[in-house]
Amino acid sequence: MRSYDLTPFYRSTVGFDRLFNLLDQASSDGSPGYPPYNIERTGENAYRITVAVSGFAKDELSIVAKENTLTIKGEKVANENSKSEVLYRGIAARAFERAFQLADFVQVKDASLENGLLHVDLVREIPEAKKPRQIAINAGAKAQVIEKPAAQAA
């Protein structure tokens, strides 16, 4: 795989840092495969991220939405009171962190944990000021002339 150095662009551009960071992330092969997840569209402006977090309790998971990034973290709490000894560990219980880049105006609405799956519901709510609006066209409107006051005319 080719690796591109975007450093020269950082020096000559202003305000495109996020774009170049996304390109860096997309070109790197360091994306972990744990835990697996799904992203689905549940409506015209509604989405759901489902993360397989089998073995994690609700208090061992955290969801943080900051700017346009959603971060899901999981960290197992060591159970020191257990008197049993694990002979073989086939169920993954390692700490993880998954980050998702969210589009503008996408907000987290709800999160639920059921049957080992963490569901995070998202919705895109575009503010009224950003939505397209229809402009009426007036036919035959005459331009108004504003006259100067008499004191300024001289």
Protein backbone atom coordinates (compact mmCIF):
# COMPACT_ATOMS: atom_id res chain seq x y z
CA MET A 1 0.00 0.00 0.00
CA ARG A 2 1.24 3.47 -0.82
CA SER A 3 1.88 6.00 1.88
CA TYR A 4 1.40 9.67 1.13
CA ASP A 5 3.04 12.46 3.12
CA LEU A 6 0.55 15.30 3.59
CA THR A 7 2.95 17.49 5.58
CA PRO A 8 3.45 20.08 2.79
CA PHE A 9 -0.30 20.67 2.67
CA TYR A 10 -0.44 21.35 6.41
CA ARG A 11 2.05 24.21 5.92
CA SER A 12 0.19 25.91 3.10
CA THR A 13 -3.47 25.57 4.08
CA VAL A 14 -5.64 27.00 6.82
CA GLY A 15 -8.78 25.34 8.11
CA PHE A 16 -8.35 22.01 6.33
CA ASP A 17 -6.76 20.16 9.27
CA ARG A 18 -9.78 17.92 9.77
CA LEU A 19 -9.81 16.94 6.09
CA PHE A 20 -6.14 15.95 6.15
CA ASN A 21 -6.59 14.05 9.42
CA LEU A 22 -9.39 12.05 7.80
CA LEU A 23 -7.14 11.29 4.83
CA ASP A 24 -4.37 10.16 7.19
CA GLN A 25 -6.78 7.87 9.03
CA ALA A 26 -8.19 6.42 5.81
CA SER A 27 -4.75 5.65 4.41
CA SER A 28 -3.44 3.95 7.55
CA ASP A 29 -3.94 0.24 8.02
CA GLY A 30 -3.91 0.55 11.79
CA SER A 31 -7.67 0.28 12.25
CA PRO A 32 -8.31 -2.45 14.80
CA GLY A 33 -10.85 -5.15 14.14
CA TYR A 34 -12.01 -5.40 17.75
CA PRO A 35 -14.78 -5.07 18.63
CA PRO A 36 -16.81 -5.68 15.49
CA TYR A 37 -19.57 -3.20 14.67
CA ASN A 38 -22.37 -2.41 12.22
CA ILE A 39 -23.57 0.94 10.94
CA GLU A 40 -27.11 0.99 9.60
CA ARG A 41 -29.52 3.60 8.33
CA THR A 42 -32.82 3.34 10.18
CA GLY A 43 -34.57 6.29 8.56
CA GLU A 44 -34.00 9.22 6.22
CA ASN A 45 -31.99 11.10 8.86
CA ALA A 46 -31.53 8.35 11.45
CA TYR A 47 -28.64 5.94 11.94
CA ARG A 48 -27.63 3.21 14.38
CA ILE A 49 -24.19 2.00 15.34
CA THR A 50 -24.19 -1.47 16.89
CA VAL A 51 -21.01 -2.63 18.64
CA ALA A 52 -20.48 -6.20 19.86
CA VAL A 53 -19.45 -5.77 23.51
CA SER A 54 -20.13 -9.25 24.83
CA GLY A 55 -18.90 -9.65 28.39
CA PHE A 56 -18.87 -5.91 29.20
CA ALA A 57 -21.23 -4.49 31.80
CA LYS A 58 -22.94 -1.13 31.44
CA ASP A 59 -20.57 0.55 33.90
CA GLU A 60 -17.52 -0.74 31.98
CA LEU A 61 -18.53 1.14 28.82
CA SER A 62 -18.39 4.85 28.05
CA ILE A 63 -19.72 6.86 25.12
CA VAL A 64 -18.37 10.36 24.48
CA ALA A 65 -19.54 12.69 21.71
CA LYS A 66 -17.17 15.61 21.19
CA GLU A 67 -17.32 17.89 18.17
CA ASN A 68 -17.77 15.54 15.19
CA THR A 69 -16.32 12.45 16.84
CA LEU A 70 -18.13 9.70 18.69
CA THR A 71 -15.84 7.60 20.89
CA ILE A 72 -16.89 4.32 22.47
CA LYS A 73 -14.55 2.86 25.11
CA GLY A 74 -14.67 -0.36 27.04
CA GLU A 75 -12.48 -1.39 29.93
CA LYS A 76 -12.97 -4.50 32.04
CA VAL A 77 -12.75 -4.10 35.77
CA ALA A 78 -10.48 -6.73 37.26
CA ASN A 79 -12.38 -9.05 39.58
CA GLU A 80 -9.93 -9.73 42.39
CA ASN A 81 -12.56 -11.40 44.59
CA SER A 82 -12.88 -14.36 42.25
CA LYS A 83 -11.34 -17.55 43.65
CA SER A 84 -11.39 -19.37 40.32
CA GLU A 85 -8.40 -19.69 38.03
CA VAL A 86 -8.86 -19.20 34.28
CA LEU A 87 -7.22 -22.07 32.42
CA TYR A 88 -8.08 -20.83 28.95
CA ARG A 89 -9.39 -17.38 27.93
CA GLY A 90 -11.16 -17.56 24.58
CA ILE A 91 -13.62 -14.76 25.25
CA ALA A 92 -11.97 -11.45 24.50
CA ALA A 93 -12.16 -9.07 27.44
CA ARG A 94 -9.49 -6.59 26.44
CA ALA A 95 -9.92 -2.87 26.61
CA PHE A 96 -10.93 -1.14 23.40
CA GLU A 97 -11.61 2.27 21.94
CA ARG A 98 -13.58 2.89 18.75
CA ALA A 99 -13.89 6.34 17.21
CA PHE A 100 -16.46 7.29 14.57
CA GLN A 101 -16.36 10.52 12.55
CA LEU A 102 -19.81 12.07 12.46
CA ALA A 103 -21.12 14.38 9.77
CA ASP A 104 -22.21 17.90 10.65
CA PHE A 105 -25.44 18.15 12.63
CA VAL A 106 -25.44 14.45 13.60
CA GLN A 107 -26.26 13.99 17.28
CA VAL A 108 -26.46 11.01 19.61
CA LYS A 109 -30.08 10.45 20.67
CA ASP A 110 -29.97 7.21 22.66
CA ALA A 111 -27.78 4.31 23.71
CA SER A 112 -28.82 0.89 24.96
CA LEU A 113 -27.12 -2.37 25.90
CA GLU A 114 -28.94 -5.63 25.22
CA ASN A 115 -27.76 -9.19 24.65
CA GLY A 116 -24.11 -8.14 24.44
CA LEU A 117 -24.76 -5.49 21.79
CA LEU A 118 -24.37 -1.77 22.39
CA HIS A 119 -26.80 0.23 20.23
CA VAL A 120 -26.11 3.93 19.69
CA ASP A 121 -28.89 5.78 17.88
CA LEU A 122 -27.96 8.89 15.91
CA VAL A 123 -30.06 11.50 14.15
CA ARG A 124 -29.16 14.31 11.77
CA GLU A 125 -31.03 17.47 12.73
CA ILE A 126 -30.28 20.29 10.33
CA PRO A 127 -31.02 23.70 11.88
CA GLU A 128 -33.75 25.74 10.25
CA ALA A 129 -31.24 28.43 9.25
CA LYS A 130 -29.18 25.87 7.27
CA LYS A 131 -32.10 24.29 5.41
CA PRO A 132 -32.78 25.44 1.85
CA ARG A 133 -35.64 27.90 1.56
CA GLN A 134 -37.78 28.97 -1.35
CA ILE A 135 -37.43 32.64 -2.40
CA ALA A 136 -40.50 34.25 -3.93
CA ILE A 137 -39.98 36.19 -7.17
CA ASN A 138 -41.93 39.43 -7.46
CA ALA A 139 -43.08 40.35 -10.96
CA GLY A 140 -43.16 43.99 -12.07
CA ALA A 141 -41.91 45.51 -8.83
CA LYS A 142 -40.66 49.05 -9.29
CA ALA A 143 -37.43 50.19 -7.70
CA GLN A 144 -37.86 52.83 -5.04
CA VAL A 145 -35.71 55.94 -5.13
CA ILE A 146 -34.64 57.28 -1.78
CA GLU A 147 -34.43 61.04 -1.80
CA LYS A 148 -31.74 62.89 0.09
CA PRO A 149 -32.87 65.26 2.84
CA ALA A 150 -32.84 68.97 1.89
CA ALA A 151 -29.90 69.71 4.24
CA GLN A 152 -27.61 67.28 2.36
CA ALA A 153 -28.77 68.28 -1.14
CA ALA A 154 -26.96 71.64 -1.07
